[in-house]
Amino acid sequence: MIIPYLTALTTYFSYGLLFAFGQLRDFFRKSLDWWSASTLQDLLQQMNTAHLVLKKCTPSTCSTRVDGGTTKLHAELEECVSNFVGKPASIVFGMGYVTNSAILPVLIGKGGLIISDSLNHNSIVNGARGSGAPVQVFQHNTPSHLENVLREQIADGQPRTHRPWKKIIVVVEGIYCMEGELCKLPEIVSICKKYKAFVYLDEAHSIGAVGQSGRGVCELLGVDTADVDIMMGTFTKSFGSCGGYIAGSKELIEYLKYTCPAHLYATSISAPAAQQIISSIKVVLGEDGSSRGAQKLARIRENSNLFRSELQKMGFEVAVVRVAFPATPLLLAHARICISASRSREDLLKALEVMSTIGDMVGVKYFPAEPNKQQAEVGQVKVD
């Protein structure tokens, strides 16, 4: 009879010890967090903000924007986005992929023409197909070929009838995700203005990451946002949330609000996700009272330049564009590397060392690196 009681007592005693040590551990952890660096304090503040949002709003709106799915946060987010990208108005959606695939069929249809870069994202390809408009493809990031296509299509007009096109939209990306290459936006905008074509710019991989204040390729390349008719972007990369946006004239945004199926029939972006985007934009612009945004923008530029230059020294081909079916040659694949501002220089150098070893083993380098020279140069790379 004593053994069951002894077992129960020892079990409860063990649980008590675990509970006591757990409380002690959490006490020291919370103390360290309280006295930690400002970045952790900012993180705790954002968590508190998220909790406050959840108290005011539900995790999901459970409704479309036109029913009960529009809150004050959605209006604030759209105003924040339009100010950030430099356009009069904007509209947000709950999914980045749908932003492209659902918007293009609303913007253009039969009687119009879409001219698309050969390496545009699949969401653009599907959106163009769903529009019912003829699609012409120009060589990747080649303004001269774009001009040739425009001239030929304007001269020929619509198929069979040869009537003038009702509308021509040129669709490009700010940074091409599979190539890591900047769009030649100034030249493309100039050509589109010459032939009176509309410019549709997808900044899914550039907004919040390039430009002096993170406003994308227009800021980086000195292009006036007034010359870009439709600006698209996503919140899943630089802003750590979900969804996408379209920014343009007030007339365009009002038209989309009454005609776009993704706005009329899809559940709106959740309130916590909207608050996350607003907070992220404020961090990027420095409106949170800190310099974290500027520091991260500088860090991601440094990391990208360092990684690119070191790969080239090792003998790898970096961001060389190839126009082939479907996006790369049949016997040649891409290795896609995503650079983060959170990585240190030591992290990047370690990754470069591993990639160099693997590159030598599988023979994918275009020329062999000189080990001694390479080792001497590691740690001495200057980033502009």
Protein backbone atom coordinates (compact mmCIF):
# COMPACT_ATOMS: atom_id res chain seq x y z
CA MET A 1 0.00 0.00 0.00
CA ILE A 2 2.95 2.33 0.56
CA ILE A 3 4.36 1.98 -2.98
CA PRO A 4 1.45 3.69 -4.85
CA TYR A 5 1.56 6.65 -2.44
CA LEU A 6 5.33 6.89 -2.81
CA THR A 7 5.03 6.87 -6.60
CA ALA A 8 2.38 9.58 -6.52
CA LEU A 9 4.43 11.74 -4.14
CA THR A 10 7.60 11.44 -6.21
CA THR A 11 5.63 12.23 -9.37
CA TYR A 12 4.08 15.34 -7.88
CA PHE A 13 7.45 16.35 -6.45
CA SER A 14 9.03 16.01 -9.91
CA TYR A 15 6.27 18.12 -11.45
CA GLY A 16 6.80 20.71 -8.73
CA LEU A 17 10.52 20.89 -9.46
CA LEU A 18 9.87 21.27 -13.19
CA PHE A 19 7.35 24.02 -12.52
CA ALA A 20 9.72 25.86 -10.17
CA PHE A 21 12.67 25.66 -12.57
CA GLY A 22 10.40 26.72 -15.45
CA GLN A 23 9.25 29.78 -13.55
CA LEU A 24 12.84 30.61 -12.61
CA ARG A 25 13.96 30.20 -16.23
CA ASP A 26 11.15 32.43 -17.51
CA PHE A 27 11.96 35.04 -14.87
CA PHE A 28 15.57 35.35 -16.04
CA ARG A 29 14.50 35.24 -19.69
CA LYS A 30 12.03 38.08 -19.18
CA SER A 31 14.67 40.02 -17.27
CA LEU A 32 17.13 39.63 -20.14
CA ASP A 33 14.47 40.69 -22.63
CA TRP A 34 13.71 43.75 -20.55
CA TRP A 35 17.34 44.84 -20.47
CA SER A 36 18.15 43.66 -24.02
CA ALA A 37 18.89 45.69 -27.12
CA SER A 38 16.37 48.08 -28.62
CA THR A 39 15.54 45.64 -31.42
CA LEU A 40 14.00 43.24 -28.92
CA GLN A 41 12.17 46.08 -27.24
CA ASP A 42 10.75 47.02 -30.64
CA LEU A 43 9.72 43.41 -31.17
CA LEU A 44 7.93 43.35 -27.82
CA GLN A 45 6.22 46.61 -28.70
CA GLN A 46 5.02 45.16 -32.01
CA MET A 47 3.69 42.11 -30.18
CA ASN A 48 1.78 44.38 -27.83
CA THR A 49 0.40 46.25 -30.85
CA ALA A 50 -0.73 42.96 -32.38
CA HIS A 51 -2.50 42.01 -29.15
CA LEU A 52 -4.28 45.37 -29.08
CA VAL A 53 -5.42 44.89 -32.69
CA LEU A 54 -6.74 41.43 -31.88
CA LYS A 55 -8.71 42.87 -28.96
CA LYS A 56 -10.35 45.42 -31.25
CA CYS A 57 -10.73 43.21 -34.33
CA THR A 58 -11.06 39.51 -35.08
CA PRO A 59 -8.21 37.50 -36.66
CA SER A 60 -10.26 37.39 -39.88
CA THR A 61 -12.78 39.83 -41.30
CA CYS A 62 -14.90 36.85 -42.47
CA SER A 63 -16.29 39.03 -45.24
CA THR A 64 -15.50 40.78 -48.51
CA ARG A 65 -14.51 44.41 -48.73
CA VAL A 66 -17.91 45.48 -50.07
CA ASP A 67 -19.83 43.77 -47.26
CA GLY A 68 -18.38 43.92 -43.75
CA GLY A 69 -14.72 43.35 -44.52
CA THR A 70 -13.54 46.96 -44.57
CA THR A 71 -12.18 48.43 -41.33
CA LYS A 72 -10.36 51.62 -40.40
CA LEU A 73 -7.10 49.70 -40.76
CA HIS A 74 -7.86 48.91 -44.40
CA ALA A 75 -8.46 52.57 -45.17
CA GLU A 76 -5.31 53.55 -43.28
CA LEU A 77 -3.31 50.87 -45.10
CA GLU A 78 -4.43 52.03 -48.55
CA GLU A 79 -3.60 55.63 -47.71
CA CYS A 80 -0.22 54.54 -46.32
CA VAL A 81 0.59 52.50 -49.45
CA SER A 82 -0.38 55.26 -51.88
CA ASN A 83 1.78 57.78 -50.00
CA PHE A 84 4.67 55.31 -49.85
CA VAL A 85 4.75 54.51 -53.57
CA GLY A 86 3.89 58.04 -54.68
CA LYS A 87 0.50 57.51 -56.35
CA PRO A 88 -2.84 59.26 -55.68
CA ALA A 89 -4.70 56.12 -54.53
CA SER A 90 -4.35 52.38 -53.97
CA ILE A 91 -6.36 49.22 -53.34
CA VAL A 92 -5.18 46.19 -51.34
CA PHE A 93 -5.93 42.49 -51.77
CA GLY A 94 -5.50 39.45 -49.55
CA MET A 95 -3.15 37.57 -51.92
CA GLY A 96 -0.24 38.76 -54.04
CA TYR A 97 -0.68 36.20 -56.82
CA VAL A 98 -4.34 37.14 -57.25
CA THR A 99 -3.41 40.81 -57.45
CA ASN A 100 -1.88 40.18 -60.87
CA SER A 101 -4.07 37.37 -62.13
CA ALA A 102 -7.34 39.11 -61.21
CA ILE A 103 -6.45 42.69 -62.12
CA LEU A 104 -5.25 42.25 -65.71
CA PRO A 105 -8.58 40.79 -66.94
CA VAL A 106 -10.33 43.83 -65.46
CA LEU A 107 -7.95 46.34 -67.03
CA ILE A 108 -8.09 44.99 -70.57
CA GLY A 109 -10.10 42.64 -72.76
CA LYS A 110 -10.94 42.02 -76.40
CA GLY A 111 -9.80 44.85 -78.62
CA GLY A 112 -6.81 45.52 -76.38
CA LEU A 113 -3.22 44.27 -76.54
CA ILE A 114 -0.89 43.08 -73.78
CA ILE A 115 2.86 43.24 -74.43
CA SER A 116 4.67 41.21 -71.79
CA ASP A 117 8.31 40.61 -70.93
CA SER A 118 9.35 37.05 -71.76
CA LEU A 119 10.37 36.35 -68.15
CA ASN A 120 7.38 37.82 -66.35
CA HIS A 121 5.96 35.95 -63.37
CA ASN A 122 3.38 33.19 -63.78
CA SER A 123 0.70 35.34 -62.14
CA ILE A 124 1.12 37.89 -64.95
CA VAL A 125 1.04 35.15 -67.59
CA ASN A 126 -2.20 33.70 -66.21
CA GLY A 127 -3.75 37.13 -65.80
CA ALA A 128 -2.92 38.01 -69.40
CA ARG A 129 -4.43 34.75 -70.64
CA GLY A 130 -7.57 35.28 -68.60
CA SER A 131 -8.11 38.74 -70.04
CA GLY A 132 -8.97 37.41 -73.50
CA ALA A 133 -6.72 40.05 -75.07
CA PRO A 134 -3.99 39.07 -77.55
CA VAL A 135 -0.56 38.79 -75.91
CA GLN A 136 2.73 39.67 -77.55
CA VAL A 137 6.04 38.84 -75.86
CA PHE A 138 9.21 40.90 -76.21
CA GLN A 139 12.75 39.78 -75.48
CA HIS A 140 13.58 39.99 -71.81
CA ASN A 141 14.48 43.50 -70.70
CA THR A 142 15.24 44.63 -74.26
CA PRO A 143 13.71 48.06 -74.95
CA SER A 144 14.73 48.02 -78.62
CA HIS A 145 12.77 44.82 -79.25
CA LEU A 146 9.82 46.23 -77.29
CA GLU A 147 9.79 49.23 -79.63
CA ASN A 148 9.85 46.95 -82.68
CA VAL A 149 6.90 44.95 -81.32
CA LEU A 150 4.96 48.14 -80.59
CA ARG A 151 5.57 49.55 -84.05
CA GLU A 152 4.54 46.33 -85.78
CA GLN A 153 1.39 45.90 -83.70
CA ILE A 154 0.30 49.52 -84.11
CA ALA A 155 0.88 49.30 -87.86
CA ASP A 156 -1.02 46.00 -88.25
CA GLY A 157 -3.82 46.74 -85.79
CA GLN A 158 -6.26 44.11 -84.55
CA PRO A 159 -6.33 40.68 -86.22
CA ARG A 160 -8.69 40.32 -89.21
CA THR A 161 -10.25 43.78 -88.92
CA HIS A 162 -6.94 45.73 -88.67
CA ARG A 163 -8.72 48.31 -86.57
CA PRO A 164 -6.57 50.33 -84.14
CA TRP A 165 -6.04 48.77 -80.73
CA LYS A 166 -8.38 50.14 -78.08
CA LYS A 167 -5.67 49.92 -75.45
CA ILE A 168 -2.07 48.67 -75.20
CA ILE A 169 -0.54 47.69 -71.84
CA VAL A 170 3.17 46.91 -71.44
CA VAL A 171 3.79 44.67 -68.41
CA VAL A 172 7.23 44.50 -66.76
CA GLU A 173 8.71 43.64 -63.37
CA GLY A 174 10.87 45.95 -61.26
CA ILE A 175 13.26 43.13 -60.32
CA TYR A 176 12.89 39.80 -62.10
CA CYS A 177 12.69 37.13 -59.44
CA MET A 178 14.49 34.36 -61.36
CA GLU A 179 17.21 36.60 -62.79
CA GLY A 180 17.82 39.12 -60.02
CA GLU A 181 18.00 41.81 -62.69
CA LEU A 182 16.69 45.36 -62.59
CA CYS A 183 14.19 46.41 -65.22
CA LYS A 184 15.39 49.00 -67.74
CA LEU A 185 12.48 51.14 -66.66
CA PRO A 186 13.59 54.60 -67.92
CA GLU A 187 13.98 53.35 -71.50
CA ILE A 188 10.75 51.33 -71.38
CA VAL A 189 8.75 54.26 -69.99
CA SER A 190 10.16 56.54 -72.69
CA ILE A 191 9.12 54.11 -75.44
CA CYS A 192 5.63 53.65 -73.96
CA LYS A 193 5.11 57.42 -73.81
CA LYS A 194 6.23 57.67 -77.43
CA TYR A 195 3.67 55.11 -78.61
CA LYS A 196 0.97 56.01 -76.04
CA ALA A 197 1.01 52.63 -74.31
CA PHE A 198 0.21 52.11 -70.63
CA VAL A 199 2.93 50.86 -68.25
CA TYR A 200 2.11 48.12 -65.73
CA LEU A 201 4.96 47.70 -63.20
CA ASP A 202 5.15 44.67 -60.90
CA GLU A 203 7.30 45.54 -57.88
CA ALA A 204 6.77 42.35 -55.89
CA HIS A 205 10.53 41.85 -55.45
CA SER A 206 11.69 45.48 -55.35
CA ILE A 207 9.30 47.49 -53.17
CA GLY A 208 10.70 48.00 -49.69
CA ALA A 209 14.11 46.65 -50.72
CA VAL A 210 15.69 49.04 -53.25
CA GLY A 211 15.89 52.80 -53.47
CA GLN A 212 17.26 55.26 -50.95
CA SER A 213 14.13 55.04 -48.81
CA GLY A 214 12.90 51.64 -50.03
CA ARG A 215 10.32 52.98 -52.45
CA GLY A 216 11.35 50.63 -55.26
CA VAL A 217 12.85 50.86 -58.73
CA CYS A 218 11.24 54.19 -59.60
CA GLU A 219 13.17 55.84 -56.79
CA LEU A 220 16.32 53.86 -57.56
CA LEU A 221 16.33 54.64 -61.31
CA GLY A 222 14.97 58.17 -61.07
CA VAL A 223 11.65 57.48 -62.82
CA ASP A 224 8.69 59.72 -62.01
CA THR A 225 5.88 57.56 -60.64
CA ALA A 226 3.44 59.70 -62.63
CA ASP A 227 4.86 58.07 -65.78
CA VAL A 228 3.98 54.57 -64.51
CA ASP A 229 0.25 54.07 -64.95
CA ILE A 230 -0.29 50.96 -62.80
CA MET A 231 2.01 50.00 -59.93
CA MET A 232 1.63 46.57 -58.37
CA GLY A 233 3.41 45.10 -55.36
CA THR A 234 3.13 42.47 -52.65
CA PHE A 235 3.41 42.56 -48.86
CA THR A 236 4.94 39.09 -48.49
CA LYS A 237 8.61 40.01 -48.93
CA SER A 238 9.81 43.28 -47.41
CA PHE A 239 6.79 43.79 -45.15
CA GLY A 240 6.52 40.33 -43.62
CA SER A 241 2.79 39.95 -44.12
CA CYS A 242 0.40 38.79 -46.85
CA GLY A 243 -1.49 40.30 -49.75
CA GLY A 244 -0.78 42.76 -52.53
CA TYR A 245 -1.71 46.20 -53.81
CA ILE A 246 -2.46 48.17 -56.94
CA ALA A 247 -1.61 51.88 -56.96
CA GLY A 248 -2.65 54.36 -59.62
CA SER A 249 -4.95 57.27 -60.33
CA LYS A 250 -8.06 57.82 -58.23
CA GLU A 251 -10.25 57.06 -61.25
CA LEU A 252 -8.49 53.72 -61.82
CA ILE A 253 -8.79 52.65 -58.18
CA GLU A 254 -12.48 53.59 -58.02
CA TYR A 255 -13.07 51.57 -61.18
CA LEU A 256 -11.31 48.54 -59.67
CA LYS A 257 -13.33 48.76 -56.47
CA TYR A 258 -16.55 48.31 -58.43
CA THR A 259 -15.40 45.80 -61.04
CA CYS A 260 -12.56 43.61 -59.72
CA PRO A 261 -13.75 40.14 -58.59
CA ALA A 262 -10.90 39.88 -56.07
CA HIS A 263 -12.30 42.95 -54.32
CA LEU A 264 -15.98 42.06 -54.66
CA TYR A 265 -15.95 38.35 -53.82
CA ALA A 266 -12.75 37.53 -51.89
CA THR A 267 -12.28 37.86 -48.14
CA SER A 268 -10.37 41.01 -47.27
CA ILE A 269 -6.94 41.03 -45.69
CA SER A 270 -7.08 40.43 -41.92
CA ALA A 271 -6.72 43.32 -39.49
CA PRO A 272 -3.51 42.01 -37.81
CA ALA A 273 -1.91 41.51 -41.24
CA ALA A 274 -2.91 45.05 -42.23
CA GLN A 275 -1.43 46.45 -39.02
CA GLN A 276 1.81 44.53 -39.68
CA ILE A 277 2.13 46.17 -43.11
CA ILE A 278 1.45 49.64 -41.72
CA SER A 279 4.05 49.15 -38.98
CA SER A 280 6.60 47.83 -41.49
CA ILE A 281 6.16 50.80 -43.82
CA LYS A 282 6.63 53.16 -40.88
CA VAL A 283 9.84 51.31 -39.96
CA VAL A 284 11.16 51.55 -43.53
CA LEU A 285 10.42 55.29 -43.62
CA GLY A 286 11.81 55.88 -40.12
CA GLU A 287 8.44 57.09 -38.84
CA ASP A 288 8.71 54.74 -35.86
CA GLY A 289 11.39 57.01 -34.39
CA SER A 290 14.29 54.65 -35.11
CA SER A 291 16.86 54.14 -37.86
CA ARG A 292 16.21 50.40 -38.22
CA GLY A 293 14.70 50.78 -41.68
CA ALA A 294 17.65 52.73 -43.07
CA GLN A 295 20.09 50.30 -41.49
CA LYS A 296 18.36 47.28 -43.02
CA LEU A 297 18.22 48.91 -46.46
CA ALA A 298 21.94 49.62 -46.27
CA ARG A 299 22.67 46.10 -45.03
CA ILE A 300 20.75 44.35 -47.81
CA ARG A 301 22.61 46.44 -50.41
CA GLU A 302 25.94 45.56 -48.84
CA ASN A 303 25.07 41.86 -48.57
CA SER A 304 23.87 41.68 -52.18
CA ASN A 305 26.95 43.46 -53.55
CA LEU A 306 29.30 41.33 -51.48
CA PHE A 307 27.68 38.03 -52.45
CA ARG A 308 27.49 38.93 -56.14
CA SER A 309 31.11 40.09 -56.40
CA GLU A 310 32.45 37.07 -54.54
CA LEU A 311 30.49 34.62 -56.69
CA GLN A 312 31.88 36.26 -59.82
CA LYS A 313 35.42 35.98 -58.46
CA MET A 314 34.84 32.29 -57.79
CA GLY A 315 33.88 31.72 -61.41
CA PHE A 316 30.09 31.53 -61.17
CA GLU A 317 27.85 33.20 -63.72
CA VAL A 318 25.69 35.71 -61.88
CA ALA A 319 22.47 37.28 -63.17
CA VAL A 320 23.25 36.69 -66.84
CA VAL A 321 20.00 36.80 -68.78
CA ARG A 322 19.09 34.03 -71.22
CA VAL A 323 16.01 34.14 -73.41
CA ALA A 324 15.00 30.53 -74.00
CA PHE A 325 12.13 28.11 -73.50
CA PRO A 326 10.44 28.24 -71.07
CA ALA A 327 12.60 30.49 -68.90
CA THR A 328 16.02 28.83 -68.99
CA PRO A 329 17.82 26.49 -71.42
CA LEU A 330 16.68 22.88 -71.17
CA LEU A 331 20.02 21.62 -69.82
CA LEU A 332 20.90 24.60 -67.63
CA ALA A 333 19.20 25.39 -64.32
CA HIS A 334 19.32 28.42 -62.04
CA ALA A 335 20.44 28.49 -58.43
CA ARG A 336 18.23 31.11 -56.80
CA ILE A 337 19.81 32.86 -53.81
CA CYS A 338 17.74 35.23 -51.66
CA ILE A 339 19.83 37.74 -49.69
CA SER A 340 18.53 38.96 -46.33
CA ALA A 341 19.50 42.03 -44.33
CA SER A 342 19.55 39.88 -41.18
CA ARG A 343 22.59 37.89 -42.34
CA SER A 344 26.03 38.90 -41.13
CA ARG A 345 29.17 39.13 -43.24
CA GLU A 346 30.44 35.92 -41.63
CA ASP A 347 27.25 34.09 -42.67
CA LEU A 348 27.72 35.15 -46.29
CA LEU A 349 31.41 34.23 -46.39
CA LYS A 350 30.62 30.79 -44.98
CA ALA A 351 27.91 30.28 -47.61
CA LEU A 352 30.32 31.41 -50.34
CA GLU A 353 32.93 28.93 -49.14
CA VAL A 354 30.43 26.06 -49.30
CA MET A 355 29.16 27.12 -52.73
CA SER A 356 32.69 27.32 -54.08
CA THR A 357 33.44 23.79 -52.88
CA ILE A 358 30.24 22.40 -54.38
CA GLY A 359 30.80 24.34 -57.59
CA ASP A 360 34.21 22.72 -58.02
CA MET A 361 32.79 19.27 -57.26
CA VAL A 362 29.94 19.39 -59.80
CA GLY A 363 31.75 21.54 -62.36
CA VAL A 364 29.29 24.41 -62.75
CA LYS A 365 31.85 27.23 -62.67
CA TYR A 366 32.62 29.03 -65.88
CA PHE A 367 36.27 29.37 -64.92
CA PRO A 368 38.21 27.99 -61.93
CA ALA A 369 38.94 30.36 -59.10
CA GLU A 370 42.47 30.84 -57.82
CA PRO A 371 42.35 29.51 -54.23
CA ASN A 372 45.26 31.51 -52.87
CA LYS A 373 44.19 34.75 -54.45
CA GLN A 374 40.59 34.18 -53.45
CA GLN A 375 41.49 33.47 -49.84
CA ALA A 376 43.60 36.59 -49.72
CA GLU A 377 40.74 38.70 -51.02
CA VAL A 378 38.11 37.31 -48.64
CA GLY A 379 37.42 39.94 -46.01
CA GLN A 380 38.83 42.75 -48.16
CA VAL A 381 35.89 43.29 -50.49
CA LYS A 382 34.67 46.88 -50.61
CA VAL A 383 30.99 47.50 -51.11
CA ASP A 384 29.80 50.78 -52.58
